[in-house]
Structure formats: C-alpha cells, structure tokens
Amino acid sequence: MTDTTADRPGAIDARPVRHPGRWVAVAVIGVLVAMLVNSFVTNERWDWAYTFQIMQQKSVINGLWMGTILGTVIAMAIGVVLGVVLAIMRMSENPVLRGVSFVYTWFFRAIPRYVLLSLFAVGFGYLYLNKFDVGIPFSSIHFATIDYSAWSSTVLIGGIALGLSEAAYMAEIARAGILSVDRGQAEAAQALGMAPGKTMRRIVLPQAMRVIVPPTGNETIAMVKDTSLFIAANITIELYYQATFFGSRAFKIMPGLMAATLWYLIVCTILMVGQSWLERYFGRGYGPTPKATKQKLTEIGADH
C-alpha cells in the first residue's frame, strides 16, 4: 500500500485579512450613537414626557386613524385597482387604450402630489364656484348638482387625489409584474378555453404578485408619509397636523414632531412586517428557502 501522506502539503498557517476600515467605521458609528443618546438624555428640550402625552391625545389618535390610515387605505385601493387596469390597457393591442394609459401615466407622474391636492381642494372650487353640475356637455341639461364645498376638505377627496397619483406608479409596477410572467402561461390557459379576463385573474396576476408585492409595499409605506401633505387641501384630521398643533400651542416644537415621528415609525414597522410576510407567501416555489439552503449546505459538509 502506497503512503500518500508524503504527497500532501503541510498545515497552512493562514492569517485572516486585516480590515482596519471596519474598526474605524464601528468607532465612528459608536461615537455618533453615543452623541445621540447623550442628547436624548441630557437635553431637556426633547421633553419626552410631553411627547408621549401628545401621542395619547384623542385628536392625535383620531388623526392617525381617520386621516393617515384611512387616507392611505383609500389612496392605495384606488391606486392598485386603477393601476392594474392602466397596466392592462398599456399592453393592449388597441392603440386608443394604449394612448389613454400613456397620457394618464405621463400626466400624474409629472404633477407633484402637493400641487395635486391643492388643485382638488382649491382649484375645482374656484373653477365651478363650489357647485359641480353633472349632465350632458354643451347643454343646459343637468342630472345632479354636487356641493363641492362640503367635500373639498375631507379625507375622501384627499385620498382620491393621492389615489389618482398613485395609480400612475402602480400601472408601471403592475406592467412590470405582468411582463415577468412567461407568455406561454397565458397561451396555455387560452388553449384550454379560458377567457382572456379569467386568464389574467387566475393565471397571470397570481404569478406576477411575486414581482408586484415588494414595490407595492414600498408605495404603501410612502403613502402613509404622503398623507402629511393633506394640509395642502386644508384637511386637518391628520396625524402630522394634529401632533405638531399640540407642540406649537405649548411652544414645544420637538415634542410635537417626535410624537408624529414615533407614530409613523410604529405604523410603517407594522407595514414592513406585513410586506415581508406577503413576499414569502407569493414567493413560494421560487428559488430555495433559507432553511432549505442551510440544510443542503449541511448535507454537503457531511458528505465531505
């Protein structure tokens, strides 16, 4: 029997690569964190007791639910539904539908949301003198008259304005998700006699959700923060306005700002957790899971 130990190289005395930059970064971060904590503890102007007191005010809680959260729900419901419709129109073979979808997306992506809210709240009231007639154009026939002044400063109008803006972005997100699904999936469904609409609902969109969910979650989180723009439409039932109002009334600016900040952090953290769960749910069957990857690496190590 041949001794092969002599052919093997000796033990390698390897030394880990030095990373002095990492330690410098850790030191800098540690100093910055210590400075921030020191400011929180020693600077009385933070006034954390008053901050938590503002967070518990009834008007602030009402602004959180009836302004920020309700406005986000209205805006995202309109944005998602209308965005999917616009995405399907954009990929249609009908040039009219493609043109309408393109013009809509071009217009609402170009208009800042603050300006759009001002337009809905003030501009329309100015144009129609707070009375909006519904009827046949270029005639004196009117079916109904809407008192716009009663709705111009409500969360509903704010949510509609933000939803119309959001639809332009959701249209591109939905279109990217639909295009990520192999065309053969739709062709196979149609070969089985499935209608185009049903194919889109049952075959294409469920698979496209893997691509649609992550950016949609980001848009939802951004929409929570964009509801702070409701002040452009004179909507005062909103978290940021109510929290800063209490701070300004007591001449304590930072407690009001921090009360709003903490509520935004709480709401957005919950949404991030929900987004993570949805990503795992719609990502089932696509690529190995972390648990499966770890098990496979363990098996490979055992074989060797």
C-alpha atoms as a PDB file:
ATOM      1  CA  MET A   1       0.000   0.000   0.000  1.00  0.00           C
ATOM      2  CA  THR A   2       1.435   3.358  -1.066  1.00  0.00           C
ATOM      3  CA  ASP A   3       1.823   6.028   1.586  1.00  0.00           C
ATOM      4  CA  THR A   4       0.250   9.202   0.194  1.00  0.00           C
ATOM      5  CA  THR A   5       0.773  11.332   3.268  1.00  0.00           C
ATOM      6  CA  ALA A   6       4.150  12.463   1.959  1.00  0.00           C
ATOM      7  CA  ASP A   7       2.454  13.940  -1.135  1.00  0.00           C
ATOM      8  CA  ARG A   8       0.131  16.116   0.904  1.00  0.00           C
ATOM      9  CA  PRO A   9       1.168  19.686   1.706  1.00  0.00           C
ATOM     10  CA  GLY A  10       1.831  20.677   5.288  1.00  0.00           C
ATOM     11  CA  ALA A  11      -0.513  22.626   7.502  1.00  0.00           C
ATOM     12  CA  ILE A  12      -1.226  26.095   6.169  1.00  0.00           C
ATOM     13  CA  ASP A  13      -0.593  28.828   8.700  1.00  0.00           C
ATOM     14  CA  ALA A  14      -3.118  31.253   7.229  1.00  0.00           C
ATOM     15  CA  ARG A  15      -3.763  34.627   8.815  1.00  0.00           C
ATOM     16  CA  PRO A  16      -7.046  36.469   8.386  1.00  0.00           C
ATOM     17  CA  VAL A  17      -7.032  39.553   6.219  1.00  0.00           C
ATOM     18  CA  ARG A  18      -6.922  42.725   8.226  1.00  0.00           C
ATOM     19  CA  HIS A  19      -9.833  45.135   7.858  1.00  0.00           C
ATOM     20  CA  PRO A  20      -8.867  48.322   9.686  1.00  0.00           C
ATOM     21  CA  GLY A  21     -11.584  50.261   7.853  1.00  0.00           C
ATOM     22  CA  ARG A  22     -14.255  48.212   9.576  1.00  0.00           C
ATOM     23  CA  TRP A  23     -12.973  49.124  13.013  1.00  0.00           C
ATOM     24  CA  VAL A  24     -12.801  52.794  12.040  1.00  0.00           C
ATOM     25  CA  ALA A  25     -16.407  52.638  10.812  1.00  0.00           C
ATOM     26  CA  VAL A  26     -17.504  50.916  14.037  1.00  0.00           C
ATOM     27  CA  ALA A  27     -15.761  53.585  16.103  1.00  0.00           C
ATOM     28  CA  VAL A  28     -17.354  56.427  14.137  1.00  0.00           C
ATOM     29  CA  ILE A  29     -20.824  54.860  14.389  1.00  0.00           C
ATOM     30  CA  GLY A  30     -20.313  54.241  18.110  1.00  0.00           C
ATOM     31  CA  VAL A  31     -19.383  57.890  18.694  1.00  0.00           C
ATOM     32  CA  LEU A  32     -22.391  59.136  16.721  1.00  0.00           C
ATOM     33  CA  VAL A  33     -24.766  56.832  18.607  1.00  0.00           C
ATOM     34  CA  ALA A  34     -23.296  57.913  21.929  1.00  0.00           C
ATOM     35  CA  MET A  35     -23.740  61.585  20.972  1.00  0.00           C
ATOM     36  CA  LEU A  36     -27.370  60.936  20.020  1.00  0.00           C
ATOM     37  CA  VAL A  37     -28.115  59.080  23.258  1.00  0.00           C
ATOM     38  CA  ASN A  38     -26.403  61.828  25.232  1.00  0.00           C
ATOM     39  CA  SER A  39     -28.632  64.400  23.534  1.00  0.00           C
ATOM     40  CA  PHE A  40     -31.756  62.357  24.291  1.00  0.00           C
ATOM     41  CA  VAL A  41     -30.815  62.063  27.971  1.00  0.00           C
ATOM     42  CA  THR A  42     -29.319  65.463  28.776  1.00  0.00           C
ATOM     43  CA  ASN A  43     -31.154  67.916  26.511  1.00  0.00           C
ATOM     44  CA  GLU A  44     -34.377  68.887  28.239  1.00  0.00           C
ATOM     45  CA  ARG A  45     -35.806  70.364  25.034  1.00  0.00           C
ATOM     46  CA  TRP A  46     -36.649  66.870  23.800  1.00  0.00           C
ATOM     47  CA  ASP A  47     -39.221  66.693  26.638  1.00  0.00           C
ATOM     48  CA  TRP A  48     -40.079  63.022  26.159  1.00  0.00           C
ATOM     49  CA  ALA A  49     -42.804  63.148  28.799  1.00  0.00           C
ATOM     50  CA  TYR A  50     -44.730  65.720  26.765  1.00  0.00           C
ATOM     51  CA  THR A  51     -44.008  63.759  23.582  1.00  0.00           C
ATOM     52  CA  PHE A  52     -45.750  60.652  24.953  1.00  0.00           C
ATOM     53  CA  GLN A  53     -48.522  62.858  26.270  1.00  0.00           C
ATOM     54  CA  ILE A  54     -49.125  64.236  22.774  1.00  0.00           C
ATOM     55  CA  MET A  55     -49.161  60.718  21.313  1.00  0.00           C
ATOM     56  CA  GLN A  56     -52.053  59.784  23.590  1.00  0.00           C
ATOM     57  CA  GLN A  57     -54.238  62.790  22.799  1.00  0.00           C
ATOM     58  CA  LYS A  58     -57.660  61.889  21.413  1.00  0.00           C
ATOM     59  CA  SER A  59     -57.359  64.255  18.441  1.00  0.00           C
ATOM     60  CA  VAL A  60     -53.931  62.822  17.552  1.00  0.00           C
ATOM     61  CA  ILE A  61     -55.234  59.244  17.695  1.00  0.00           C
ATOM     62  CA  ASN A  62     -58.255  60.316  15.639  1.00  0.00           C
ATOM     63  CA  GLY A  63     -55.955  61.951  13.108  1.00  0.00           C
ATOM     64  CA  LEU A  64     -53.919  58.737  12.934  1.00  0.00           C
ATOM     65  CA  TRP A  65     -56.948  56.520  12.218  1.00  0.00           C
ATOM     66  CA  MET A  66     -59.310  58.818  10.326  1.00  0.00           C
ATOM     67  CA  GLY A  67     -56.666  60.797   8.478  1.00  0.00           C
ATOM     68  CA  THR A  68     -53.410  58.931   7.974  1.00  0.00           C
ATOM     69  CA  ILE A  69     -54.546  55.302   7.913  1.00  0.00           C
ATOM     70  CA  LEU A  70     -57.945  55.853   6.267  1.00  0.00           C
ATOM     71  CA  GLY A  71     -56.405  58.178   3.687  1.00  0.00           C
ATOM     72  CA  THR A  72     -53.737  55.567   2.926  1.00  0.00           C
ATOM     73  CA  VAL A  73     -56.341  52.820   2.512  1.00  0.00           C
ATOM     74  CA  ILE A  74     -58.466  54.948   0.151  1.00  0.00           C
ATOM     75  CA  ALA A  75     -55.471  56.079  -1.890  1.00  0.00           C
ATOM     76  CA  MET A  76     -53.905  52.612  -2.227  1.00  0.00           C
ATOM     77  CA  ALA A  77     -57.238  50.942  -3.041  1.00  0.00           C
ATOM     78  CA  ILE A  78     -57.775  53.399  -5.898  1.00  0.00           C
ATOM     79  CA  GLY A  79     -54.134  53.261  -6.923  1.00  0.00           C
ATOM     80  CA  VAL A  80     -53.869  49.463  -7.046  1.00  0.00           C
ATOM     81  CA  VAL A  81     -57.167  48.811  -8.860  1.00  0.00           C
ATOM     82  CA  LEU A  82     -56.787  51.650 -11.343  1.00  0.00           C
ATOM     83  CA  GLY A  83     -53.084  50.893 -11.769  1.00  0.00           C
ATOM     84  CA  VAL A  84     -53.770  47.285 -12.798  1.00  0.00           C
ATOM     85  CA  VAL A  85     -56.416  48.489 -15.280  1.00  0.00           C
ATOM     86  CA  LEU A  86     -53.980  51.033 -16.739  1.00  0.00           C
ATOM     87  CA  ALA A  87     -51.256  48.386 -16.999  1.00  0.00           C
ATOM     88  CA  ILE A  88     -53.572  46.065 -18.939  1.00  0.00           C
ATOM     89  CA  MET A  89     -54.608  48.983 -21.167  1.00  0.00           C
ATOM     90  CA  ARG A  90     -50.955  49.842 -21.778  1.00  0.00           C
ATOM     91  CA  MET A  91     -50.294  46.311 -23.069  1.00  0.00           C
ATOM     92  CA  SER A  92     -53.474  46.181 -25.136  1.00  0.00           C
ATOM     93  CA  GLU A  93     -53.400  45.880 -28.907  1.00  0.00           C
ATOM     94  CA  ASN A  94     -55.924  48.724 -29.086  1.00  0.00           C
ATOM     95  CA  PRO A  95     -53.978  51.944 -29.831  1.00  0.00           C
ATOM     96  CA  VAL A  96     -56.648  54.103 -28.169  1.00  0.00           C
ATOM     97  CA  LEU A  97     -56.363  52.223 -24.868  1.00  0.00           C
ATOM     98  CA  ARG A  98     -52.567  52.340 -25.045  1.00  0.00           C
ATOM     99  CA  GLY A  99     -52.661  56.061 -25.734  1.00  0.00           C
ATOM    100  CA  VAL A 100     -55.055  56.828 -22.864  1.00  0.00           C
ATOM    101  CA  SER A 101     -52.930  54.794 -20.442  1.00  0.00           C
ATOM    102  CA  PHE A 102     -49.736  56.535 -21.579  1.00  0.00           C
ATOM    103  CA  VAL A 103     -51.216  60.040 -21.280  1.00  0.00           C
ATOM    104  CA  TYR A 104     -52.650  59.290 -17.832  1.00  0.00           C
ATOM    105  CA  THR A 105     -49.334  57.920 -16.585  1.00  0.00           C
ATOM    106  CA  TRP A 106     -47.397  60.823 -18.102  1.00  0.00           C
ATOM    107  CA  PHE A 107     -49.656  63.464 -16.550  1.00  0.00           C
ATOM    108  CA  PHE A 108     -49.980  62.162 -12.989  1.00  0.00           C
ATOM    109  CA  ARG A 109     -46.329  61.188 -12.682  1.00  0.00           C
ATOM    110  CA  ALA A 110     -45.351  64.725 -13.650  1.00  0.00           C
ATOM    111  CA  ILE A 111     -47.581  66.547 -11.134  1.00  0.00           C
ATOM    112  CA  PRO A 112     -46.320  66.852  -7.532  1.00  0.00           C
ATOM    113  CA  ARG A 113     -48.819  65.478  -5.036  1.00  0.00           C
ATOM    114  CA  TYR A 114     -48.838  68.703  -3.041  1.00  0.00           C
ATOM    115  CA  VAL A 115     -49.904  70.584  -6.173  1.00  0.00           C
ATOM    116  CA  LEU A 116     -52.480  67.898  -6.996  1.00  0.00           C
ATOM    117  CA  LEU A 117     -54.048  68.144  -3.538  1.00  0.00           C
ATOM    118  CA  SER A 118     -54.205  71.924  -3.844  1.00  0.00           C
ATOM    119  CA  LEU A 119     -55.853  71.552  -7.239  1.00  0.00           C
ATOM    120  CA  PHE A 120     -58.525  69.218  -5.882  1.00  0.00           C
ATOM    121  CA  ALA A 121     -59.219  71.270  -2.772  1.00  0.00           C
ATOM    122  CA  VAL A 122     -58.961  74.840  -4.084  1.00  0.00           C
ATOM    123  CA  GLY A 123     -58.766  74.739  -7.871  1.00  0.00           C
ATOM    124  CA  PHE A 124     -62.004  72.901  -8.574  1.00  0.00           C
ATOM    125  CA  GLY A 125     -63.900  75.029  -6.082  1.00  0.00           C
ATOM    126  CA  TYR A 126     -62.623  78.137  -7.839  1.00  0.00           C
ATOM    127  CA  LEU A 127     -63.490  76.842 -11.311  1.00  0.00           C
ATOM    128  CA  TYR A 128     -67.019  75.699 -10.518  1.00  0.00           C
ATOM    129  CA  LEU A 129     -67.851  78.081  -7.637  1.00  0.00           C
ATOM    130  CA  ASN A 130     -68.172  75.078  -5.300  1.00  0.00           C
ATOM    131  CA  LYS A 131     -71.083  73.735  -7.388  1.00  0.00           C
ATOM    132  CA  PHE A 132     -70.336  70.889  -9.771  1.00  0.00           C
ATOM    133  CA  ASP A 133     -73.102  70.094 -12.280  1.00  0.00           C
ATOM    134  CA  VAL A 134     -73.367  66.586 -13.703  1.00  0.00           C
ATOM    135  CA  GLY A 135     -75.115  66.399 -17.064  1.00  0.00           C
ATOM    136  CA  ILE A 136     -74.736  66.480 -20.844  1.00  0.00           C
ATOM    137  CA  PRO A 137     -71.790  68.618 -22.008  1.00  0.00           C
ATOM    138  CA  PHE A 138     -72.517  71.788 -24.031  1.00  0.00           C
ATOM    139  CA  SER A 139     -76.155  71.775 -22.969  1.00  0.00           C
ATOM    140  CA  SER A 140     -78.320  73.045 -20.137  1.00  0.00           C
ATOM    141  CA  ILE A 141     -79.398  69.524 -19.164  1.00  0.00           C
ATOM    142  CA  HIS A 142     -78.155  68.630 -15.660  1.00  0.00           C
ATOM    143  CA  PHE A 143     -78.909  65.430 -13.786  1.00  0.00           C
ATOM    144  CA  ALA A 144     -77.444  66.424 -10.428  1.00  0.00           C
ATOM    145  CA  THR A 145     -75.527  69.164  -8.664  1.00  0.00           C
ATOM    146  CA  ILE A 146     -72.720  68.364  -6.249  1.00  0.00           C
ATOM    147  CA  ASP A 147     -71.927  70.789  -3.442  1.00  0.00           C
ATOM    148  CA  TYR A 148     -68.162  70.588  -3.768  1.00  0.00           C
ATOM    149  CA  SER A 149     -67.528  72.877  -0.791  1.00  0.00           C
ATOM    150  CA  ALA A 150     -68.893  70.176   1.518  1.00  0.00           C
ATOM    151  CA  TRP A 151     -66.318  67.645   0.243  1.00  0.00           C
ATOM    152  CA  SER A 152     -63.283  69.712  -0.736  1.00  0.00           C
ATOM    153  CA  SER A 153     -61.540  69.459   2.647  1.00  0.00           C
ATOM    154  CA  THR A 154     -62.369  65.867   3.541  1.00  0.00           C
ATOM    155  CA  VAL A 155     -60.143  62.806   3.762  1.00  0.00           C
ATOM    156  CA  LEU A 156     -62.144  61.260   0.917  1.00  0.00           C
ATOM    157  CA  ILE A 157     -61.094  63.987  -1.527  1.00  0.00           C
ATOM    158  CA  GLY A 158     -57.509  63.787  -0.267  1.00  0.00           C
ATOM    159  CA  GLY A 159     -57.493  60.017  -0.680  1.00  0.00           C
ATOM    160  CA  ILE A 160     -58.920  60.271  -4.200  1.00  0.00           C
ATOM    161  CA  ALA A 161     -56.290  62.828  -5.211  1.00  0.00           C
ATOM    162  CA  LEU A 162     -53.437  60.704  -3.854  1.00  0.00           C
ATOM    163  CA  GLY A 163     -55.009  57.545  -5.319  1.00  0.00           C
ATOM    164  CA  LEU A 164     -55.141  59.013  -8.817  1.00  0.00           C
ATOM    165  CA  SER A 165     -51.491  59.941  -8.499  1.00  0.00           C
ATOM    166  CA  GLU A 166     -50.576  56.532  -7.105  1.00  0.00           C
ATOM    167  CA  ALA A 167     -52.337  54.754  -9.987  1.00  0.00           C
ATOM    168  CA  ALA A 168     -49.747  56.143 -12.409  1.00  0.00           C
ATOM    169  CA  TYR A 169     -46.935  54.496 -10.447  1.00  0.00           C
ATOM    170  CA  MET A 170     -48.851  51.284  -9.782  1.00  0.00           C
ATOM    171  CA  ALA A 171     -49.526  50.978 -13.511  1.00  0.00           C
ATOM    172  CA  GLU A 172     -45.800  50.660 -14.182  1.00  0.00           C
ATOM    173  CA  ILE A 173     -45.318  48.296 -11.251  1.00  0.00           C
ATOM    174  CA  ALA A 174     -48.197  46.069 -12.399  1.00  0.00           C
ATOM    175  CA  ARG A 175     -46.981  46.157 -16.000  1.00  0.00           C
ATOM    176  CA  ALA A 176     -43.513  45.028 -14.919  1.00  0.00           C
ATOM    177  CA  GLY A 177     -45.048  42.199 -12.898  1.00  0.00           C
ATOM    178  CA  ILE A 178     -47.278  41.049 -15.755  1.00  0.00           C
ATOM    179  CA  LEU A 179     -44.368  41.116 -18.223  1.00  0.00           C
ATOM    180  CA  SER A 180     -42.302  38.980 -15.826  1.00  0.00           C
ATOM    181  CA  VAL A 181     -44.720  36.060 -16.329  1.00  0.00           C
ATOM    182  CA  ASP A 182     -43.805  33.841 -19.261  1.00  0.00           C
ATOM    183  CA  ARG A 183     -46.187  34.380 -22.160  1.00  0.00           C
ATOM    184  CA  GLY A 184     -46.563  30.633 -22.506  1.00  0.00           C
ATOM    185  CA  GLN A 185     -48.607  30.603 -19.298  1.00  0.00           C
ATOM    186  CA  ALA A 186     -51.331  32.745 -20.874  1.00  0.00           C
ATOM    187  CA  GLU A 187     -51.150  30.822 -24.156  1.00  0.00           C
ATOM    188  CA  ALA A 188     -51.589  27.508 -22.345  1.00  0.00           C
ATOM    189  CA  ALA A 189     -54.620  28.853 -20.450  1.00  0.00           C
ATOM    190  CA  GLN A 190     -56.203  30.170 -23.633  1.00  0.00           C
ATOM    191  CA  ALA A 191     -55.536  26.836 -25.338  1.00  0.00           C
ATOM    192  CA  LEU A 192     -57.674  25.239 -22.620  1.00  0.00           C
ATOM    193  CA  GLY A 193     -60.508  27.608 -23.496  1.00  0.00           C
ATOM    194  CA  MET A 194     -60.009  30.089 -20.674  1.00  0.00           C
ATOM    195  CA  ALA A 195     -61.216  33.633 -21.431  1.00  0.00           C
ATOM    196  CA  PRO A 196     -58.589  36.421 -21.526  1.00  0.00           C
ATOM    197  CA  GLY A 197     -60.020  38.143 -18.463  1.00  0.00           C
ATOM    198  CA  LYS A 198     -60.083  34.938 -16.454  1.00  0.00           C
ATOM    199  CA  THR A 199     -56.578  34.099 -17.646  1.00  0.00           C
ATOM    200  CA  MET A 200     -55.357  37.415 -16.324  1.00  0.00           C
ATOM    201  CA  ARG A 201     -57.105  36.959 -12.952  1.00  0.00           C
ATOM    202  CA  ARG A 202     -56.376  33.256 -12.358  1.00  0.00           C
ATOM    203  CA  ILE A 203     -53.075  32.632 -14.125  1.00  0.00           C
ATOM    204  CA  VAL A 204     -51.042  35.774 -14.841  1.00  0.00           C
ATOM    205  CA  LEU A 205     -51.689  38.083 -11.874  1.00  0.00           C
ATOM    206  CA  PRO A 206     -51.109  35.438  -9.148  1.00  0.00           C
ATOM    207  CA  GLN A 207     -47.681  34.736 -10.634  1.00  0.00           C
ATOM    208  CA  ALA A 208     -46.963  38.421 -11.181  1.00  0.00           C
ATOM    209  CA  MET A 209     -47.593  39.163  -7.497  1.00  0.00           C
ATOM    210  CA  ARG A 210     -44.077  37.935  -6.681  1.00  0.00           C
ATOM    211  CA  VAL A 211     -42.746  40.960  -8.583  1.00  0.00           C
ATOM    212  CA  ILE A 212     -45.577  43.353  -7.737  1.00  0.00           C
ATOM    213  CA  VAL A 213     -45.677  42.957  -3.930  1.00  0.00           C
ATOM    214  CA  PRO A 214     -42.244  44.413  -2.946  1.00  0.00           C
ATOM    215  CA  PRO A 215     -42.602  47.774  -4.766  1.00  0.00           C
ATOM    216  CA  THR A 216     -46.286  47.944  -3.798  1.00  0.00           C
ATOM    217  CA  GLY A 217     -45.277  47.594  -0.159  1.00  0.00           C
ATOM    218  CA  ASN A 218     -42.811  50.435  -0.618  1.00  0.00           C
ATOM    219  CA  GLU A 219     -45.514  52.570  -2.221  1.00  0.00           C
ATOM    220  CA  THR A 220     -47.876  51.856   0.680  1.00  0.00           C
ATOM    221  CA  ILE A 221     -45.272  52.911   3.216  1.00  0.00           C
ATOM    222  CA  ALA A 222     -44.557  56.043   1.179  1.00  0.00           C
ATOM    223  CA  MET A 223     -48.292  56.780   1.021  1.00  0.00           C
ATOM    224  CA  VAL A 224     -48.525  56.712   4.830  1.00  0.00           C
ATOM    225  CA  LYS A 225     -45.987  59.532   4.890  1.00  0.00           C
ATOM    226  CA  ASP A 226     -47.546  61.392   1.944  1.00  0.00           C
ATOM    227  CA  THR A 227     -50.781  61.820   3.885  1.00  0.00           C
ATOM    228  CA  SER A 228     -48.909  64.555   5.769  1.00  0.00           C
ATOM    229  CA  LEU A 229     -49.454  66.604   2.586  1.00  0.00           C
ATOM    230  CA  PHE A 230     -53.186  66.738   3.343  1.00  0.00           C
ATOM    231  CA  ILE A 231     -52.610  70.208   4.761  1.00  0.00           C
ATOM    232  CA  ALA A 232     -52.441  71.392   1.123  1.00  0.00           C
ATOM    233  CA  ALA A 233     -56.151  70.516   0.883  1.00  0.00           C
ATOM    234  CA  ASN A 234     -56.962  72.124   4.253  1.00  0.00           C
ATOM    235  CA  ILE A 235     -57.507  68.670   5.753  1.00  0.00           C
ATOM    236  CA  THR A 236     -56.716  68.931   9.454  1.00  0.00           C
ATOM    237  CA  ILE A 237     -57.871  65.457  10.530  1.00  0.00           C
ATOM    238  CA  GLU A 238     -54.400  64.053  10.020  1.00  0.00           C
ATOM    239  CA  LEU A 239     -51.620  62.800  12.296  1.00  0.00           C
ATOM    240  CA  TYR A 240     -48.856  65.264  11.446  1.00  0.00           C
ATOM    241  CA  TYR A 241     -51.057  68.344  11.686  1.00  0.00           C
ATOM    242  CA  GLN A 242     -52.635  67.311  14.983  1.00  0.00           C
ATOM    243  CA  ALA A 243     -49.329  66.339  16.629  1.00  0.00           C
ATOM    244  CA  THR A 244     -47.491  69.490  15.581  1.00  0.00           C
ATOM    245  CA  PHE A 245     -50.503  71.596  16.577  1.00  0.00           C
ATOM    246  CA  PHE A 246     -50.158  70.440  20.192  1.00  0.00           C
ATOM    247  CA  GLY A 247     -46.426  71.118  20.129  1.00  0.00           C
ATOM    248  CA  SER A 248     -46.827  74.595  18.659  1.00  0.00           C
ATOM    249  CA  ARG A 249     -49.604  75.510  21.086  1.00  0.00           C
ATOM    250  CA  ALA A 250     -47.294  74.794  24.032  1.00  0.00           C
ATOM    251  CA  PHE A 251     -44.243  76.341  22.250  1.00  0.00           C
ATOM    252  CA  LYS A 252     -42.584  72.918  22.290  1.00  0.00           C
ATOM    253  CA  ILE A 253     -41.767  72.127  18.680  1.00  0.00           C
ATOM    254  CA  MET A 254     -39.701  68.956  19.080  1.00  0.00           C
ATOM    255  CA  PRO A 255     -42.202  67.003  21.223  1.00  0.00           C
ATOM    256  CA  GLY A 256     -44.860  67.549  18.539  1.00  0.00           C
ATOM    257  CA  LEU A 257     -42.521  66.474  15.753  1.00  0.00           C
ATOM    258  CA  MET A 258     -41.280  63.450  17.702  1.00  0.00           C
ATOM    259  CA  ALA A 259     -44.834  62.370  18.551  1.00  0.00           C
ATOM    260  CA  ALA A 260     -45.650  62.276  14.839  1.00  0.00           C
ATOM    261  CA  THR A 261     -42.315  60.585  14.086  1.00  0.00           C
ATOM    262  CA  LEU A 262     -42.877  57.803  16.608  1.00  0.00           C
ATOM    263  CA  TRP A 263     -46.376  57.089  15.290  1.00  0.00           C
ATOM    264  CA  TYR A 264     -45.046  56.962  11.723  1.00  0.00           C
ATOM    265  CA  LEU A 265     -42.326  54.545  12.849  1.00  0.00           C
ATOM    266  CA  ILE A 266     -44.886  52.282  14.530  1.00  0.00           C
ATOM    267  CA  VAL A 267     -47.258  52.207  11.540  1.00  0.00           C
ATOM    268  CA  CYS A 268     -44.502  51.726   8.953  1.00  0.00           C
ATOM    269  CA  THR A 269     -42.868  48.958  11.015  1.00  0.00           C
ATOM    270  CA  ILE A 270     -46.156  47.031  11.066  1.00  0.00           C
ATOM    271  CA  LEU A 271     -46.486  47.503   7.292  1.00  0.00           C
ATOM    272  CA  MET A 272     -42.923  46.285   6.741  1.00  0.00           C
ATOM    273  CA  VAL A 273     -43.664  43.097   8.682  1.00  0.00           C
ATOM    274  CA  GLY A 274     -46.813  42.568   6.609  1.00  0.00           C
ATOM    275  CA  GLN A 275     -44.874  43.171   3.402  1.00  0.00           C
ATOM    276  CA  SER A 276     -42.262  40.598   4.430  1.00  0.00           C
ATOM    277  CA  TRP A 277     -44.995  38.012   5.070  1.00  0.00           C
ATOM    278  CA  LEU A 278     -46.630  38.696   1.699  1.00  0.00           C
ATOM    279  CA  GLU A 279     -43.300  38.398  -0.099  1.00  0.00           C
ATOM    280  CA  ARG A 280     -42.737  34.962   1.442  1.00  0.00           C
ATOM    281  CA  TYR A 281     -46.304  33.921   0.638  1.00  0.00           C
ATOM    282  CA  PHE A 282     -46.214  34.869  -3.044  1.00  0.00           C
ATOM    283  CA  GLY A 283     -42.591  33.776  -3.397  1.00  0.00           C
ATOM    284  CA  ARG A 284     -43.329  30.139  -2.574  1.00  0.00           C
ATOM    285  CA  GLY A 285     -41.801  27.822  -5.138  1.00  0.00           C
ATOM    286  CA  TYR A 286     -39.373  30.428  -6.496  1.00  0.00           C
ATOM    287  CA  GLY A 287     -35.819  29.597  -5.522  1.00  0.00           C
ATOM    288  CA  PRO A 288     -34.574  27.801  -2.388  1.00  0.00           C
ATOM    289  CA  THR A 289     -35.722  28.943   1.024  1.00  0.00           C
ATOM    290  CA  PRO A 290     -33.088  29.894   3.639  1.00  0.00           C
ATOM    291  CA  LYS A 291     -33.954  26.757   5.622  1.00  0.00           C
ATOM    292  CA  ALA A 292     -33.548  24.512   2.568  1.00  0.00           C
ATOM    293  CA  THR A 293     -30.269  26.197   1.660  1.00  0.00           C
ATOM    294  CA  LYS A 294     -28.898  25.676   5.179  1.00  0.00           C
ATOM    295  CA  GLN A 295     -29.954  22.001   5.117  1.00  0.00           C
ATOM    296  CA  LYS A 296     -28.293  21.484   1.727  1.00  0.00           C
ATOM    297  CA  LEU A 297     -25.035  23.020   2.924  1.00  0.00           C
ATOM    298  CA  THR A 298     -25.144  20.759   5.990  1.00  0.00           C
ATOM    299  CA  GLU A 299     -25.588  17.688   3.799  1.00  0.00           C
ATOM    300  CA  ILE A 300     -22.692  18.711   1.560  1.00  0.00           C
ATOM    301  CA  GLY A 301     -20.472  19.194   4.622  1.00  0.00           C
ATOM    302  CA  ALA A 302     -21.441  15.764   5.944  1.00  0.00           C
ATOM    303  CA  ASP A 303     -20.588  14.103   2.623  1.00  0.00           C
ATOM    304  CA  HIS A 304     -17.102  15.546   2.709  1.00  0.00           C
END
